[in-house]
C-alpha atoms as a PDB file:
ATOM      1  CA  UNK A   1     -29.022   5.434  91.802  1.00  0.00           C
ATOM      2  CA  UNK A   2     -26.754   8.429  94.090  1.00  0.00           C
ATOM      3  CA  UNK A   3     -28.110  11.308  92.403  1.00  0.00           C
ATOM      4  CA  UNK A   4     -30.456  12.260  95.244  1.00  0.00           C
ATOM      5  CA  UNK A   5     -27.709  12.080  97.469  1.00  0.00           C
ATOM      6  CA  UNK A   6     -25.827  14.717  95.259  1.00  0.00           C
ATOM      7  CA  UNK A   7     -28.899  16.806  94.857  1.00  0.00           C
ATOM      8  CA  UNK A   8     -29.489  16.736  98.736  1.00  0.00           C
ATOM      9  CA  UNK A   9     -25.827  17.642  99.650  1.00  0.00           C
ATOM     10  CA  UNK A  10     -26.170  20.767  96.509  1.00  0.00           C
ATOM     11  CA  UNK A  11     -29.029  22.051  98.110  1.00  0.00           C
ATOM     12  CA  UNK A  12     -28.022  21.887 101.718  1.00  0.00           C
ATOM     13  CA  UNK A  13     -24.500  23.626 100.834  1.00  0.00           C
ATOM     14  CA  UNK A  14     -26.487  26.425  99.001  1.00  0.00           C
ATOM     15  CA  UNK A  15     -28.848  27.001 101.871  1.00  0.00           C
ATOM     16  CA  UNK A  16     -26.349  27.067 104.482  1.00  0.00           C
ATOM     17  CA  UNK A  17     -23.212  28.647 103.101  1.00  0.00           C
ATOM     18  CA  UNK A  18     -22.232  31.704 100.697  1.00  0.00           C
ATOM     19  CA  UNK A  19     -20.462  29.773  98.078  1.00  0.00           C
ATOM     20  CA  UNK A  20     -17.911  30.962  95.450  1.00  0.00           C
ATOM     21  CA  UNK A  21     -16.994  28.436  92.677  1.00  0.00           C
ATOM     22  CA  UNK A  22     -13.601  27.207  93.282  1.00  0.00           C
ATOM     23  CA  UNK A  23     -11.676  26.484  90.076  1.00  0.00           C
ATOM     24  CA  UNK A  24     -11.251  22.851  88.594  1.00  0.00           C
ATOM     25  CA  UNK A  25      -8.031  22.411  86.417  1.00  0.00           C
ATOM     26  CA  UNK A  26      -8.591  22.714  82.772  1.00  0.00           C
ATOM     27  CA  UNK A  27      -9.954  19.347  81.445  1.00  0.00           C
ATOM     28  CA  UNK A  28     -10.407  17.914  84.770  1.00  0.00           C
ATOM     29  CA  UNK A  29     -14.174  19.043  85.089  1.00  0.00           C
ATOM     30  CA  UNK A  30     -15.547  16.863  82.523  1.00  0.00           C
ATOM     31  CA  UNK A  31     -15.045  13.810  80.875  1.00  0.00           C
ATOM     32  CA  UNK A  32     -16.428  11.144  78.861  1.00  0.00           C
ATOM     33  CA  UNK A  33     -15.624   7.569  77.891  1.00  0.00           C
ATOM     34  CA  UNK A  34     -16.858   5.120  75.154  1.00  0.00           C
ATOM     35  CA  UNK A  35     -14.284   2.344  76.363  1.00  0.00           C
ATOM     36  CA  UNK A  36     -16.934   0.093  77.602  1.00  0.00           C
ATOM     37  CA  UNK A  37     -20.227  -1.188  76.793  1.00  0.00           C
ATOM     38  CA  UNK A  38     -21.850   1.912  77.910  1.00  0.00           C
ATOM     39  CA  UNK A  39     -20.691   5.270  77.739  1.00  0.00           C
ATOM     40  CA  UNK A  40     -19.556   6.840  80.914  1.00  0.00           C
ATOM     41  CA  UNK A  41     -19.151  10.263  82.004  1.00  0.00           C
ATOM     42  CA  UNK A  42     -17.428  12.115  85.063  1.00  0.00           C
ATOM     43  CA  UNK A  43     -18.455  15.239  86.383  1.00  0.00           C
ATOM     44  CA  UNK A  44     -16.970  17.072  89.310  1.00  0.00           C
ATOM     45  CA  UNK A  45     -17.910  20.404  91.149  1.00  0.00           C
ATOM     46  CA  UNK A  46     -15.800  22.402  93.628  1.00  0.00           C
ATOM     47  CA  UNK A  47     -16.957  25.344  95.573  1.00  0.00           C
ATOM     48  CA  UNK A  48     -15.559  27.282  98.622  1.00  0.00           C
ATOM     49  CA  UNK A  49     -16.992  29.882 101.509  1.00  0.00           C
ATOM     50  CA  UNK A  50     -15.287  31.286 104.483  1.00  0.00           C
ATOM     51  CA  UNK A  51     -16.131  28.132 106.830  1.00  0.00           C
ATOM     52  CA  UNK A  52     -15.133  25.292 103.972  1.00  0.00           C
ATOM     53  CA  UNK A  53     -12.169  25.981 101.988  1.00  0.00           C
ATOM     54  CA  UNK A  54     -12.926  23.630  99.553  1.00  0.00           C
ATOM     55  CA  UNK A  55     -15.999  21.541  98.917  1.00  0.00           C
ATOM     56  CA  UNK A  56     -15.541  19.027  96.119  1.00  0.00           C
ATOM     57  CA  UNK A  57     -18.060  16.244  94.589  1.00  0.00           C
ATOM     58  CA  UNK A  58     -17.782  13.893  91.865  1.00  0.00           C
ATOM     59  CA  UNK A  59     -20.223  11.940  89.867  1.00  0.00           C
ATOM     60  CA  UNK A  60     -19.455   8.696  87.420  1.00  0.00           C
ATOM     61  CA  UNK A  61     -22.260   7.831  85.455  1.00  0.00           C
ATOM     62  CA  UNK A  62     -22.018   4.532  83.533  1.00  0.00           C
ATOM     63  CA  UNK A  63     -25.389   3.472  83.483  1.00  0.00           C
ATOM     64  CA  UNK A  64     -26.030   0.108  85.179  1.00  0.00           C
ATOM     65  CA  UNK A  65     -22.414  -0.876  85.104  1.00  0.00           C
ATOM     66  CA  UNK A  66     -21.156   1.876  87.775  1.00  0.00           C
ATOM     67  CA  UNK A  67     -22.698   4.743  89.377  1.00  0.00           C
ATOM     68  CA  UNK A  68     -20.025   6.368  91.796  1.00  0.00           C
ATOM     69  CA  UNK A  69     -20.791   9.730  94.114  1.00  0.00           C
ATOM     70  CA  UNK A  70     -17.621  10.774  95.988  1.00  0.00           C
ATOM     71  CA  UNK A  71     -17.275  13.893  98.130  1.00  0.00           C
ATOM     72  CA  UNK A  72     -14.646  15.218 100.554  1.00  0.00           C
ATOM     73  CA  UNK A  73     -15.258  18.730 102.613  1.00  0.00           C
ATOM     74  CA  UNK A  74     -12.109  20.469 103.971  1.00  0.00           C
ATOM     75  CA  UNK A  75     -12.750  22.884 106.672  1.00  0.00           C
ATOM     76  CA  UNK A  76     -11.186  26.228 106.331  1.00  0.00           C
ATOM     77  CA  UNK A  77      -7.705  26.349 107.765  1.00  0.00           C
ATOM     78  CA  UNK A  78      -9.083  27.913 111.139  1.00  0.00           C
ATOM     79  CA  UNK A  79     -11.524  25.275 111.818  1.00  0.00           C
ATOM     80  CA  UNK A  80     -10.003  21.865 113.418  1.00  0.00           C
ATOM     81  CA  UNK A  81     -13.212  19.637 112.469  1.00  0.00           C
ATOM     82  CA  UNK A  82     -12.799  16.362 111.239  1.00  0.00           C
ATOM     83  CA  UNK A  83     -12.955  16.231 107.124  1.00  0.00           C
ATOM     84  CA  UNK A  84     -16.772  15.262 105.887  1.00  0.00           C
ATOM     85  CA  UNK A  85     -16.103  12.244 103.537  1.00  0.00           C
ATOM     86  CA  UNK A  86     -18.627  10.416 101.182  1.00  0.00           C
ATOM     87  CA  UNK A  87     -17.850   7.389  98.692  1.00  0.00           C
ATOM     88  CA  UNK A  88     -20.937   5.677  97.338  1.00  0.00           C
ATOM     89  CA  UNK A  89     -20.114   3.051  94.641  1.00  0.00           C
ATOM     90  CA  UNK A  90     -22.372   0.499  92.803  1.00  0.00           C
ATOM     91  CA  UNK A  91     -21.196  -1.752  90.023  1.00  0.00           C
ATOM     92  CA  UNK A  92     -24.480  -3.287  88.812  1.00  0.00           C
ATOM     93  CA  UNK A  93     -27.472  -3.630  91.384  1.00  0.00           C
ATOM     94  CA  UNK A  94     -26.333  -6.380  93.337  1.00  0.00           C
ATOM     95  CA  UNK A  95     -22.639  -4.995  94.313  1.00  0.00           C
ATOM     96  CA  UNK A  96     -23.121  -1.610  96.242  1.00  0.00           C
ATOM     97  CA  UNK A  97     -20.352  -0.400  98.488  1.00  0.00           C
ATOM     98  CA  UNK A  98     -21.149   2.760 100.741  1.00  0.00           C
ATOM     99  CA  UNK A  99     -18.858   4.948 103.290  1.00  0.00           C
ATOM    100  CA  UNK A 100     -19.614   7.802 104.972  1.00  0.00           C
ATOM    101  CA  UNK A 101     -17.731   9.400 107.765  1.00  0.00           C
ATOM    102  CA  UNK A 102     -16.236  12.320 109.921  1.00  0.00           C
ATOM    103  CA  UNK A 103     -12.469  12.111 109.268  1.00  0.00           C
ATOM    104  CA  UNK A 104     -10.824  12.746 112.006  1.00  0.00           C
ATOM    105  CA  UNK A 105      -7.472  14.983 111.608  1.00  0.00           C
ATOM    106  CA  UNK A 106      -5.966  13.790 114.998  1.00  0.00           C
ATOM    107  CA  UNK A 107      -6.404  10.937 117.584  1.00  0.00           C
ATOM    108  CA  UNK A 108      -6.404  12.379 121.006  1.00  0.00           C
ATOM    109  CA  UNK A 109      -9.316  11.680 123.675  1.00  0.00           C
ATOM    110  CA  UNK A 110     -10.446  15.449 123.841  1.00  0.00           C
ATOM    111  CA  UNK A 111     -10.415  15.567 119.976  1.00  0.00           C
ATOM    112  CA  UNK A 112     -12.284  12.332 119.789  1.00  0.00           C
ATOM    113  CA  UNK A 113     -15.058  13.238 122.432  1.00  0.00           C
ATOM    114  CA  UNK A 114     -15.433  16.630 120.553  1.00  0.00           C
ATOM    115  CA  UNK A 115     -15.929  15.423 117.196  1.00  0.00           C
ATOM    116  CA  UNK A 116     -16.661  11.919 116.748  1.00  0.00           C
ATOM    117  CA  UNK A 117     -18.797  10.902 119.781  1.00  0.00           C
ATOM    118  CA  UNK A 118     -21.593  12.691 118.576  1.00  0.00           C
ATOM    119  CA  UNK A 119     -21.951  10.334 115.562  1.00  0.00           C
ATOM    120  CA  UNK A 120     -22.767   7.606 118.014  1.00  0.00           C
ATOM    121  CA  UNK A 121     -26.248   8.083 118.126  1.00  0.00           C
ATOM    122  CA  UNK A 122     -26.930   8.419 114.773  1.00  0.00           C
ATOM    123  CA  UNK A 123     -24.505   5.425 113.712  1.00  0.00           C
ATOM    124  CA  UNK A 124     -26.451   2.740 116.339  1.00  0.00           C
ATOM    125  CA  UNK A 125     -29.797   3.819 114.573  1.00  0.00           C
ATOM    126  CA  UNK A 126     -28.412   2.848 111.367  1.00  0.00           C
ATOM    127  CA  UNK A 127     -26.259  -0.259 112.548  1.00  0.00           C
ATOM    128  CA  UNK A 128     -27.032  -2.495 109.450  1.00  0.00           C
ATOM    129  CA  UNK A 129     -24.617   0.385 107.637  1.00  0.00           C
ATOM    130  CA  UNK A 130     -21.859  -0.280 110.053  1.00  0.00           C
ATOM    131  CA  UNK A 131     -20.553  -3.473 109.225  1.00  0.00           C
ATOM    132  CA  UNK A 132     -16.937  -3.660 110.540  1.00  0.00           C
ATOM    133  CA  UNK A 133     -15.751  -4.652 107.128  1.00  0.00           C
ATOM    134  CA  UNK A 134     -12.112  -5.322 106.504  1.00  0.00           C
ATOM    135  CA  UNK A 135     -10.216  -2.073 104.801  1.00  0.00           C
ATOM    136  CA  UNK A 136      -7.845  -3.281 101.959  1.00  0.00           C
ATOM    137  CA  UNK A 137      -6.243  -0.055 100.857  1.00  0.00           C
ATOM    138  CA  UNK A 138      -6.144   2.145 104.306  1.00  0.00           C
ATOM    139  CA  UNK A 139      -5.740   1.820 107.709  1.00  0.00           C
ATOM    140  CA  UNK A 140      -8.989   2.093 109.668  1.00  0.00           C
ATOM    141  CA  UNK A 141      -7.181   3.928 112.791  1.00  0.00           C
ATOM    142  CA  UNK A 142      -6.155   6.482 110.474  1.00  0.00           C
ATOM    143  CA  UNK A 143      -8.594   9.171 109.103  1.00  0.00           C
ATOM    144  CA  UNK A 144     -11.542   7.171 109.906  1.00  0.00           C
ATOM    145  CA  UNK A 145     -13.239   7.159 112.995  1.00  0.00           C
ATOM    146  CA  UNK A 146     -15.224   4.220 114.910  1.00  0.00           C
ATOM    147  CA  UNK A 147     -18.779   5.777 114.041  1.00  0.00           C
ATOM    148  CA  UNK A 148     -18.074   5.475 110.044  1.00  0.00           C
ATOM    149  CA  UNK A 149     -21.007   3.828 107.863  1.00  0.00           C
ATOM    150  CA  UNK A 150     -19.249   1.466 106.147  1.00  0.00           C
ATOM    151  CA  UNK A 151     -21.510  -1.643 104.429  1.00  0.00           C
ATOM    152  CA  UNK A 152     -22.143  -3.814 101.353  1.00  0.00           C
ATOM    153  CA  UNK A 153     -25.469  -3.003 100.644  1.00  0.00           C
ATOM    154  CA  UNK A 154     -28.748  -3.453  98.090  1.00  0.00           C
ATOM    155  CA  UNK A 155     -30.672  -0.996  96.211  1.00  0.00           C
ATOM    156  CA  UNK A 156     -33.490  -0.995  98.575  1.00  0.00           C
ATOM    157  CA  UNK A 157     -31.464  -0.309 101.696  1.00  0.00           C
ATOM    158  CA  UNK A 158     -29.702   2.977  99.798  1.00  0.00           C
ATOM    159  CA  UNK A 159     -33.239   4.307  99.281  1.00  0.00           C
ATOM    160  CA  UNK A 160     -34.967   3.165 102.620  1.00  0.00           C
ATOM    161  CA  UNK A 161     -32.157   3.403 105.314  1.00  0.00           C
ATOM    162  CA  UNK A 162     -28.596   5.176 103.850  1.00  0.00           C
ATOM    163  CA  UNK A 163     -30.550   8.102 102.492  1.00  0.00           C
ATOM    164  CA  UNK A 164     -32.217   9.419 105.871  1.00  0.00           C
ATOM    165  CA  UNK A 165     -28.395   8.229 107.843  1.00  0.00           C
ATOM    166  CA  UNK A 166     -26.833  10.718 104.927  1.00  0.00           C
ATOM    167  CA  UNK A 167     -29.167  13.292 105.832  1.00  0.00           C
ATOM    168  CA  UNK A 168     -28.793  13.120 109.616  1.00  0.00           C
ATOM    169  CA  UNK A 169     -24.946  12.992 109.154  1.00  0.00           C
ATOM    170  CA  UNK A 170     -24.970  15.960 107.052  1.00  0.00           C
ATOM    171  CA  UNK A 171     -27.156  18.264 109.215  1.00  0.00           C
ATOM    172  CA  UNK A 172     -24.862  17.167 112.411  1.00  0.00           C
ATOM    173  CA  UNK A 173     -21.742  18.292 110.409  1.00  0.00           C
ATOM    174  CA  UNK A 174     -23.194  21.809 110.070  1.00  0.00           C
ATOM    175  CA  UNK A 175     -24.143  21.684 113.581  1.00  0.00           C
ATOM    176  CA  UNK A 176     -20.988  21.252 114.532  1.00  0.00           C
ATOM    177  CA  UNK A 177     -19.540  23.624 112.117  1.00  0.00           C
ATOM    178  CA  UNK A 178     -21.761  26.347 113.658  1.00  0.00           C
ATOM    179  CA  UNK A 179     -20.576  25.837 117.023  1.00  0.00           C
ATOM    180  CA  UNK A 180     -16.979  25.624 116.292  1.00  0.00           C
ATOM    181  CA  UNK A 181     -15.057  28.388 117.684  1.00  0.00           C
ATOM    182  CA  UNK A 182     -12.349  29.807 114.891  1.00  0.00           C
ATOM    183  CA  UNK A 183      -8.667  29.273 115.941  1.00  0.00           C
ATOM    184  CA  UNK A 184      -6.624  32.210 115.765  1.00  0.00           C
ATOM    185  CA  UNK A 185      -3.270  31.328 116.859  1.00  0.00           C
ATOM    186  CA  UNK A 186      -0.835  30.795 113.392  1.00  0.00           C
ATOM    187  CA  UNK A 187       0.450  27.580 115.206  1.00  0.00           C
ATOM    188  CA  UNK A 188      -2.876  26.195 115.811  1.00  0.00           C
ATOM    189  CA  UNK A 189      -3.771  27.117 112.009  1.00  0.00           C
ATOM    190  CA  UNK A 190      -0.351  25.555 110.858  1.00  0.00           C
ATOM    191  CA  UNK A 191      -1.234  22.440 112.455  1.00  0.00           C
ATOM    192  CA  UNK A 192      -4.453  22.182 110.646  1.00  0.00           C
ATOM    193  CA  UNK A 193      -2.700  23.219 107.415  1.00  0.00           C
ATOM    194  CA  UNK A 194      -0.032  20.027 107.925  1.00  0.00           C
ATOM    195  CA  UNK A 195      -2.755  17.920 108.746  1.00  0.00           C
ATOM    196  CA  UNK A 196      -4.866  18.533 106.110  1.00  0.00           C
ATOM    197  CA  UNK A 197      -1.920  18.178 103.769  1.00  0.00           C
ATOM    198  CA  UNK A 198      -1.026  14.922 105.289  1.00  0.00           C
ATOM    199  CA  UNK A 199      -4.567  13.544 104.864  1.00  0.00           C
ATOM    200  CA  UNK A 200      -4.299  14.653 101.039  1.00  0.00           C
ATOM    201  CA  UNK A 201      -1.088  12.696 100.773  1.00  0.00           C
ATOM    202  CA  UNK A 202      -1.983   9.409 102.633  1.00  0.00           C
ATOM    203  CA  UNK A 203      -5.526   9.245 100.520  1.00  0.00           C
ATOM    204  CA  UNK A 204      -3.521   9.967  96.930  1.00  0.00           C
ATOM    205  CA  UNK A 205      -1.205   7.298  97.808  1.00  0.00           C
ATOM    206  CA  UNK A 206      -3.842   4.736  98.351  1.00  0.00           C
ATOM    207  CA  UNK A 207      -6.889   5.408  96.650  1.00  0.00           C
ATOM    208  CA  UNK A 208      -8.340   2.592  94.989  1.00  0.00           C
ATOM    209  CA  UNK A 209     -10.782   4.641  92.576  1.00  0.00           C
ATOM    210  CA  UNK A 210      -7.397   5.435  90.723  1.00  0.00           C
ATOM    211  CA  UNK A 211      -7.927   2.131  89.022  1.00  0.00           C
ATOM    212  CA  UNK A 212     -11.056   2.573  88.114  1.00  0.00           C
ATOM    213  CA  UNK A 213     -10.515   5.988  86.425  1.00  0.00           C
ATOM    214  CA  UNK A 214      -7.778   5.001  84.709  1.00  0.00           C
ATOM    215  CA  UNK A 215     -10.113   1.736  83.324  1.00  0.00           C
ATOM    216  CA  UNK A 216     -12.542   4.662  82.060  1.00  0.00           C
ATOM    217  CA  UNK A 217     -10.696   7.588  81.159  1.00  0.00           C
ATOM    218  CA  UNK A 218      -7.019   6.354  81.057  1.00  0.00           C
ATOM    219  CA  UNK A 219      -3.870   6.542  83.389  1.00  0.00           C
ATOM    220  CA  UNK A 220      -2.655  10.076  82.041  1.00  0.00           C
ATOM    221  CA  UNK A 221      -6.028  11.677  82.805  1.00  0.00           C
ATOM    222  CA  UNK A 222      -6.749   9.778  86.181  1.00  0.00           C
ATOM    223  CA  UNK A 223      -3.252  10.734  87.581  1.00  0.00           C
ATOM    224  CA  UNK A 224      -3.910  14.559  87.057  1.00  0.00           C
ATOM    225  CA  UNK A 225      -7.173  13.983  88.111  1.00  0.00           C
ATOM    226  CA  UNK A 226      -6.026  12.644  91.316  1.00  0.00           C
ATOM    227  CA  UNK A 227      -3.108  15.104  92.169  1.00  0.00           C
ATOM    228  CA  UNK A 228      -4.308  18.152  90.628  1.00  0.00           C
ATOM    229  CA  UNK A 229      -8.251  17.986  91.970  1.00  0.00           C
ATOM    230  CA  UNK A 230      -8.928  15.241  94.749  1.00  0.00           C
ATOM    231  CA  UNK A 231      -6.024  15.578  96.640  1.00  0.00           C
ATOM    232  CA  UNK A 232      -4.131  18.528  95.318  1.00  0.00           C
ATOM    233  CA  UNK A 233      -1.871  19.116  98.371  1.00  0.00           C
ATOM    234  CA  UNK A 234      -0.369  15.359  97.748  1.00  0.00           C
ATOM    235  CA  UNK A 235       3.044  15.119  95.976  1.00  0.00           C
ATOM    236  CA  UNK A 236       2.571  12.194  93.249  1.00  0.00           C
ATOM    237  CA  UNK A 237       4.928   9.382  94.543  1.00  0.00           C
ATOM    238  CA  UNK A 238       7.302   9.832  91.711  1.00  0.00           C
ATOM    239  CA  UNK A 239       7.961  13.222  92.137  1.00  0.00           C
ATOM    240  CA  UNK A 240       8.629  12.762  95.973  1.00  0.00           C
ATOM    241  CA  UNK A 241      11.031   9.979  95.420  1.00  0.00           C
ATOM    242  CA  UNK A 242      13.029  11.946  93.196  1.00  0.00           C
ATOM    243  CA  UNK A 243      13.501  15.222  95.381  1.00  0.00           C
END
């Protein structure tokens, strides 16, 4: 269901940036599970370029049982842009959840005006994809913008409405990145390093997909995938507690 979204992102990345592969820890790039009625595969890709220090995306294909496309794009530490977050999940054709956002690292008015307000025009065009659903695992006021797309939807809407909205959000993100002035002061760069690490910790501690990964690929593999690839700057809770 979401393969065209992956292919569009991939084409855009290679058209706009001088990408280099970023290593994925051994054993985490691909896995296959025969636990369910339908075999499931998980495959990940990771790149970097001067403007974007980590571009990761993952696709889970379990046929009609589950289709998941997840991506986070981290700007280089000398850019203060939000992260680009994508999470599209389908469990059968009736249960589809989509999340798309510029995930702010800071909440001050100047930052939100600069990076979040430009999303408003696009969000307003696709209002049916902004359903103000309750977040069960996250605080909506932390690392989410008020113009995120967050919706329970159907297969037809994914094709006719989500895909054009997705293209517009991604193109806006590229425009923002192109217009951004790189940071030069060491204290400003360290502020971004700290903010991105805190994002990883917050996300890893609350990631609801960990249960999905575990059900298909086992808890040990899923723990490594979560902390060594998805959110590599996070410290596992057990490790943090023992310090």
